[in-house]
């Protein structure tokens, strides 16, 4: 058994990457090759929740693979099941991978966990930047969109689908900028219809101010994530030169975009207040 936060057993912090499942199954194949393969597979099945003996060796492998896929929905419980399986096989006299090999696999696939016997340690703590879902100056439809996109992005990150999580946040960032159409200082109102023109107009209005720099950083992030040789989340990924987004990178991009969303929502509220007619008798 591994020691870890017991609440993870009942509400898992997320699934294990599929690459870990495949690599752990490969390790079991190598261990099983040292002895009676069928018996070894059956022994491993019990650690992943299996009940009863399979009808033949092929079915035993199929059942083990299915059980491991099912256990993968809860990463800590999955890792513990494999660790316990490893311990069982070691006591049977078989050669088993040491903790360094197991941790190397977890690190390679950015699983977010490391075994330090007898403990299982979370190697990162992801806390999404808080975005005010109930933006005061936006209508109910816009608020619903914010809530839907943020919730879906968080769910996708928890499921290990980094590119789709970033795509959801990028869509929201582009959508929120359209709320600035018709706003502006004095007679210079924003007329653009899309992210690029709108942000460029906001940059011009904020020239020499912090807003100009903020809009430049936002444009840089948006351009990189949109590019086929960058994030590839908007125009597709270049199959020759594109690089897939890793999960830890996706978390960073989502948090950066969330920071810009927070800024835009607060800026929109301030601009709406400045644009509102002053009550009669005020100066």
Protein backbone atom coordinates (compact mmCIF):
# COMPACT_ATOMS: atom_id res chain seq x y z
CA UNK A 1 0.00 0.00 0.00
CA UNK A 2 1.04 3.56 -0.66
CA UNK A 3 0.37 6.46 1.66
CA UNK A 4 -1.48 9.38 0.08
CA UNK A 5 -4.40 11.72 0.70
CA UNK A 6 -7.25 9.32 1.49
CA UNK A 7 -9.82 11.65 -0.07
CA UNK A 8 -8.29 10.73 -3.46
CA UNK A 9 -9.76 7.25 -3.12
CA UNK A 10 -13.29 8.64 -3.20
CA UNK A 11 -12.90 11.64 -5.47
CA UNK A 12 -9.93 11.14 -7.72
CA UNK A 13 -7.92 14.22 -8.74
CA UNK A 14 -7.96 13.03 -12.36
CA UNK A 15 -7.00 10.16 -14.69
CA UNK A 16 -3.54 8.78 -15.35
CA UNK A 17 -2.18 9.49 -18.87
CA UNK A 18 -2.81 6.61 -21.26
CA UNK A 19 0.91 6.36 -21.95
CA UNK A 20 1.49 5.30 -18.34
CA UNK A 21 -1.13 2.55 -18.67
CA UNK A 22 0.61 1.20 -21.79
CA UNK A 23 4.08 1.35 -20.26
CA UNK A 24 2.96 -0.33 -17.02
CA UNK A 25 1.31 -3.11 -19.04
CA UNK A 26 4.60 -3.56 -20.92
CA UNK A 27 6.39 -3.91 -17.58
CA UNK A 28 3.95 -6.61 -16.50
CA UNK A 29 4.63 -8.49 -19.75
CA UNK A 30 8.36 -8.42 -19.03
CA UNK A 31 7.85 -9.60 -15.44
CA UNK A 32 5.46 -12.36 -16.52
CA UNK A 33 7.96 -13.69 -19.07
CA UNK A 34 10.11 -14.92 -16.14
CA UNK A 35 7.61 -17.51 -14.92
CA UNK A 36 4.16 -18.97 -15.58
CA UNK A 37 2.71 -16.14 -17.67
CA UNK A 38 -0.96 -16.97 -17.16
CA UNK A 39 -0.64 -17.24 -13.38
CA UNK A 40 1.27 -13.98 -13.23
CA UNK A 41 -1.37 -12.15 -15.25
CA UNK A 42 -4.12 -13.56 -13.03
CA UNK A 43 -2.22 -12.37 -9.97
CA UNK A 44 -2.01 -8.87 -11.43
CA UNK A 45 -5.71 -8.85 -12.33
CA UNK A 46 -6.72 -9.11 -8.68
CA UNK A 47 -4.82 -5.92 -7.81
CA UNK A 48 -6.76 -4.00 -10.46
CA UNK A 49 -10.11 -5.24 -9.18
CA UNK A 50 -10.46 -8.45 -11.19
CA UNK A 51 -12.58 -11.34 -9.91
CA UNK A 52 -12.37 -14.88 -11.25
CA UNK A 53 -10.00 -16.62 -13.63
CA UNK A 54 -10.06 -15.93 -17.36
CA UNK A 55 -10.83 -18.81 -19.74
CA UNK A 56 -7.40 -18.71 -21.40
CA UNK A 57 -4.21 -16.65 -21.53
CA UNK A 58 -5.39 -14.37 -24.34
CA UNK A 59 -8.52 -13.49 -22.41
CA UNK A 60 -6.43 -12.98 -19.28
CA UNK A 61 -4.38 -10.30 -21.05
CA UNK A 62 -7.54 -8.72 -22.46
CA UNK A 63 -9.21 -8.68 -19.04
CA UNK A 64 -6.11 -7.21 -17.39
CA UNK A 65 -5.90 -4.47 -20.01
CA UNK A 66 -9.59 -3.65 -19.52
CA UNK A 67 -9.20 -3.53 -15.73
CA UNK A 68 -6.19 -1.25 -15.99
CA UNK A 69 -8.05 1.11 -18.34
CA UNK A 70 -10.92 1.25 -15.88
CA UNK A 71 -8.60 1.93 -12.92
CA UNK A 72 -6.85 4.67 -14.90
CA UNK A 73 -9.76 7.05 -14.21
CA UNK A 74 -8.26 7.62 -10.75
CA UNK A 75 -4.51 8.20 -11.08
CA UNK A 76 -3.43 7.65 -7.44
CA UNK A 77 -5.49 4.46 -7.09
CA UNK A 78 -4.10 3.19 -10.43
CA UNK A 79 -0.49 3.83 -9.37
CA UNK A 80 -1.10 2.12 -6.03
CA UNK A 81 -2.64 -0.91 -7.76
CA UNK A 82 0.44 -1.29 -9.95
CA UNK A 83 2.77 -0.80 -6.99
CA UNK A 84 0.93 -3.48 -5.00
CA UNK A 85 1.07 -5.80 -8.00
CA UNK A 86 4.81 -5.20 -8.25
CA UNK A 87 5.24 -5.98 -4.53
CA UNK A 88 3.24 -9.23 -4.89
CA UNK A 89 5.38 -10.39 -7.80
CA UNK A 90 8.61 -9.47 -6.01
CA UNK A 91 7.56 -11.63 -3.05
CA UNK A 92 7.00 -14.47 -5.54
CA UNK A 93 10.67 -14.28 -6.43
CA UNK A 94 10.32 -12.48 -9.77
CA UNK A 95 12.51 -9.62 -10.88
CA UNK A 96 10.53 -6.37 -10.86
CA UNK A 97 11.26 -2.76 -11.92
CA UNK A 98 12.63 -0.56 -9.17
CA UNK A 99 11.03 2.70 -8.08
CA UNK A 100 13.34 4.74 -10.32
CA UNK A 101 12.03 3.01 -13.45
CA UNK A 102 8.43 3.54 -12.37
CA UNK A 103 9.00 7.19 -11.52
CA UNK A 104 10.77 7.71 -14.86
CA UNK A 105 7.60 6.52 -16.64
CA UNK A 106 5.41 8.79 -14.53
CA UNK A 107 7.69 11.76 -15.27
CA UNK A 108 7.92 10.99 -19.00
CA UNK A 109 4.14 11.18 -19.34
CA UNK A 110 3.77 14.16 -16.97
CA UNK A 111 1.52 12.12 -14.69
CA UNK A 112 1.96 14.57 -11.81
CA UNK A 113 2.95 11.94 -9.22
CA UNK A 114 6.09 10.37 -7.82
CA UNK A 115 6.54 7.35 -5.57
CA UNK A 116 8.72 7.93 -2.52
CA UNK A 117 8.13 4.70 -0.59
CA UNK A 118 5.91 4.37 1.25
CA UNK A 119 4.33 7.61 0.03
CA UNK A 120 2.80 8.70 -3.25
CA UNK A 121 3.53 12.41 -3.76
CA UNK A 122 1.75 14.87 -6.05
CA UNK A 123 4.54 16.66 -7.89
CA UNK A 124 2.46 19.66 -8.83
CA UNK A 125 -0.50 21.52 -7.45
CA UNK A 126 -2.67 23.08 -10.13
CA UNK A 127 -4.90 25.91 -8.98
CA UNK A 128 -6.60 27.69 -11.88
CA UNK A 129 -6.56 31.48 -11.86
CA UNK A 130 -9.95 32.67 -10.63
CA UNK A 131 -12.02 34.48 -13.23
CA UNK A 132 -15.15 36.35 -12.08
CA UNK A 133 -17.90 34.33 -13.74
CA UNK A 134 -20.56 36.86 -12.69
CA UNK A 135 -19.11 39.77 -14.65
CA UNK A 136 -21.21 42.77 -13.51
CA UNK A 137 -21.38 44.64 -16.84
CA UNK A 138 -22.22 41.67 -19.08
CA UNK A 139 -25.67 40.27 -19.79
CA UNK A 140 -26.87 36.85 -18.67
CA UNK A 141 -26.02 35.19 -21.99
CA UNK A 142 -22.40 36.33 -21.75
CA UNK A 143 -22.16 35.22 -18.14
CA UNK A 144 -23.48 31.78 -19.08
CA UNK A 145 -20.83 31.52 -21.82
CA UNK A 146 -18.06 32.41 -19.37
CA UNK A 147 -19.24 29.81 -16.87
CA UNK A 148 -19.67 27.10 -19.51
CA UNK A 149 -16.25 27.62 -21.09
CA UNK A 150 -14.33 27.86 -17.82
CA UNK A 151 -16.01 24.75 -16.44
CA UNK A 152 -15.34 22.78 -19.63
CA UNK A 153 -11.70 23.91 -19.74
CA UNK A 154 -11.16 22.76 -16.14
CA UNK A 155 -12.81 19.41 -16.91
CA UNK A 156 -10.60 18.88 -19.96
CA UNK A 157 -7.44 19.67 -17.99
CA UNK A 158 -8.47 17.18 -15.31
CA UNK A 159 -9.03 14.61 -18.07
CA UNK A 160 -5.53 15.20 -19.46
CA UNK A 161 -6.79 16.83 -22.68
CA UNK A 162 -4.57 19.89 -22.67
CA UNK A 163 -4.98 21.05 -26.26
CA UNK A 164 -8.78 21.02 -26.06
CA UNK A 165 -8.68 22.83 -22.70
CA UNK A 166 -6.56 25.61 -24.22
CA UNK A 167 -8.87 25.73 -27.25
CA UNK A 168 -11.85 26.32 -24.96
CA UNK A 169 -10.11 29.19 -23.13
CA UNK A 170 -8.88 30.75 -26.39
CA UNK A 171 -12.44 30.73 -27.73
CA UNK A 172 -13.60 32.50 -24.57
CA UNK A 173 -10.80 35.08 -24.79
CA UNK A 174 -11.77 35.88 -28.40
CA UNK A 175 -15.45 36.06 -27.48
CA UNK A 176 -15.00 38.43 -24.53
CA UNK A 177 -13.09 40.98 -26.63
CA UNK A 178 -16.22 41.49 -28.79
CA UNK A 179 -17.92 43.03 -25.74
CA UNK A 180 -15.71 46.12 -26.25
CA UNK A 181 -17.30 47.08 -29.59
CA UNK A 182 -18.79 50.55 -29.30
CA UNK A 183 -16.81 51.36 -26.16
CA UNK A 184 -13.89 53.75 -25.92
CA UNK A 185 -12.74 57.06 -24.60
CA UNK A 186 -14.11 60.33 -25.98
CA UNK A 187 -15.13 59.87 -29.63
CA UNK A 188 -12.71 57.02 -30.38
CA UNK A 189 -14.99 54.02 -30.05
CA UNK A 190 -13.91 50.49 -30.90
CA UNK A 191 -15.30 49.31 -34.24
CA UNK A 192 -13.48 46.03 -34.87
CA UNK A 193 -15.45 42.80 -35.15
CA UNK A 194 -12.75 40.22 -34.39
CA UNK A 195 -10.05 39.63 -31.77
CA UNK A 196 -7.13 41.10 -33.74
CA UNK A 197 -8.70 44.42 -34.83
CA UNK A 198 -10.39 44.94 -31.45
CA UNK A 199 -7.19 44.38 -29.46
CA UNK A 200 -5.21 46.61 -31.83
CA UNK A 201 -7.71 49.45 -31.32
CA UNK A 202 -7.51 48.95 -27.56
CA UNK A 203 -3.71 49.11 -27.80
CA UNK A 204 -3.87 52.41 -29.69
CA UNK A 205 -6.22 53.88 -27.12
CA UNK A 206 -3.90 52.76 -24.34
CA UNK A 207 -0.65 53.90 -25.99
CA UNK A 208 1.89 54.88 -23.36
CA UNK A 209 -0.09 53.13 -20.67
CA UNK A 210 0.06 49.71 -19.04
CA UNK A 211 -2.86 48.61 -21.23
CA UNK A 212 -0.72 48.85 -24.37
CA UNK A 213 1.79 46.36 -22.96
CA UNK A 214 -0.92 44.07 -21.64
CA UNK A 215 -2.59 43.95 -25.05
CA UNK A 216 0.78 43.21 -26.69
CA UNK A 217 1.36 40.25 -24.36
CA UNK A 218 -2.17 39.02 -24.96
CA UNK A 219 -1.70 39.23 -28.73
CA UNK A 220 1.58 37.33 -28.49
CA UNK A 221 -0.06 34.50 -26.56
CA UNK A 222 -3.03 34.40 -28.92
CA UNK A 223 -0.78 34.39 -31.99
CA UNK A 224 1.40 31.57 -30.68
CA UNK A 225 -1.54 29.38 -29.68
CA UNK A 226 -3.27 30.00 -33.02
CA UNK A 227 -0.22 29.26 -35.16
CA UNK A 228 0.11 25.78 -36.76
CA UNK A 229 3.75 25.72 -35.61
CA UNK A 230 2.83 26.99 -32.14
CA UNK A 231 -0.08 25.73 -30.08
CA UNK A 232 -2.05 24.78 -33.19
CA UNK A 233 -5.37 25.08 -31.39
CA UNK A 234 -7.07 27.43 -33.86
CA UNK A 235 -5.73 26.74 -37.35
CA UNK A 236 -4.60 23.15 -36.89
CA UNK A 237 -1.13 21.77 -36.20
CA UNK A 238 1.62 21.65 -38.81
CA UNK A 239 2.25 17.91 -39.11
CA UNK A 240 5.92 18.45 -39.99
CA UNK A 241 6.91 21.33 -37.74
CA UNK A 242 4.16 21.53 -35.13
CA UNK A 243 4.77 20.45 -31.54
CA UNK A 244 1.98 18.93 -29.47
CA UNK A 245 1.01 20.84 -26.33
CA UNK A 246 2.10 19.03 -23.17
CA UNK A 247 -0.28 18.96 -20.23
CA UNK A 248 1.88 21.17 -17.97
CA UNK A 249 2.18 23.67 -20.83
CA UNK A 250 -1.59 23.62 -21.30
CA UNK A 251 -2.06 24.51 -17.64
CA UNK A 252 0.28 27.48 -18.04
CA UNK A 253 -1.49 28.71 -21.19
CA UNK A 254 -4.90 28.36 -19.54
CA UNK A 255 -3.77 30.33 -16.49
CA UNK A 256 -2.23 33.07 -18.64
CA UNK A 257 -5.43 33.34 -20.67
CA UNK A 258 -7.48 33.39 -17.46
CA UNK A 259 -5.39 36.32 -16.21
CA UNK A 260 -6.12 38.23 -19.40
CA UNK A 261 -9.81 37.35 -19.14
CA UNK A 262 -9.89 38.78 -15.63
CA UNK A 263 -8.24 41.97 -16.88
CA UNK A 264 -10.67 42.29 -19.81
CA UNK A 265 -13.73 41.80 -17.62
CA UNK A 266 -12.57 44.43 -15.14
CA UNK A 267 -11.58 46.80 -17.94
CA UNK A 268 -14.97 46.34 -19.62
CA UNK A 269 -16.76 47.19 -16.39
CA UNK A 270 -14.68 50.36 -15.98
CA UNK A 271 -15.21 51.48 -19.57
CA UNK A 272 -18.96 50.93 -19.29
CA UNK A 273 -19.03 53.10 -16.17
CA UNK A 274 -17.02 55.84 -17.89
CA UNK A 275 -19.31 55.73 -20.90
CA UNK A 276 -22.53 55.92 -18.83
CA UNK A 277 -24.23 59.39 -18.84
CA UNK A 278 -23.65 61.35 -15.65
CA UNK A 279 -26.75 62.02 -13.58
CA UNK A 280 -28.20 65.51 -13.91
CA UNK A 281 -26.53 68.03 -11.61
CA UNK A 282 -23.16 66.22 -11.40
CA UNK A 283 -19.85 67.57 -12.67
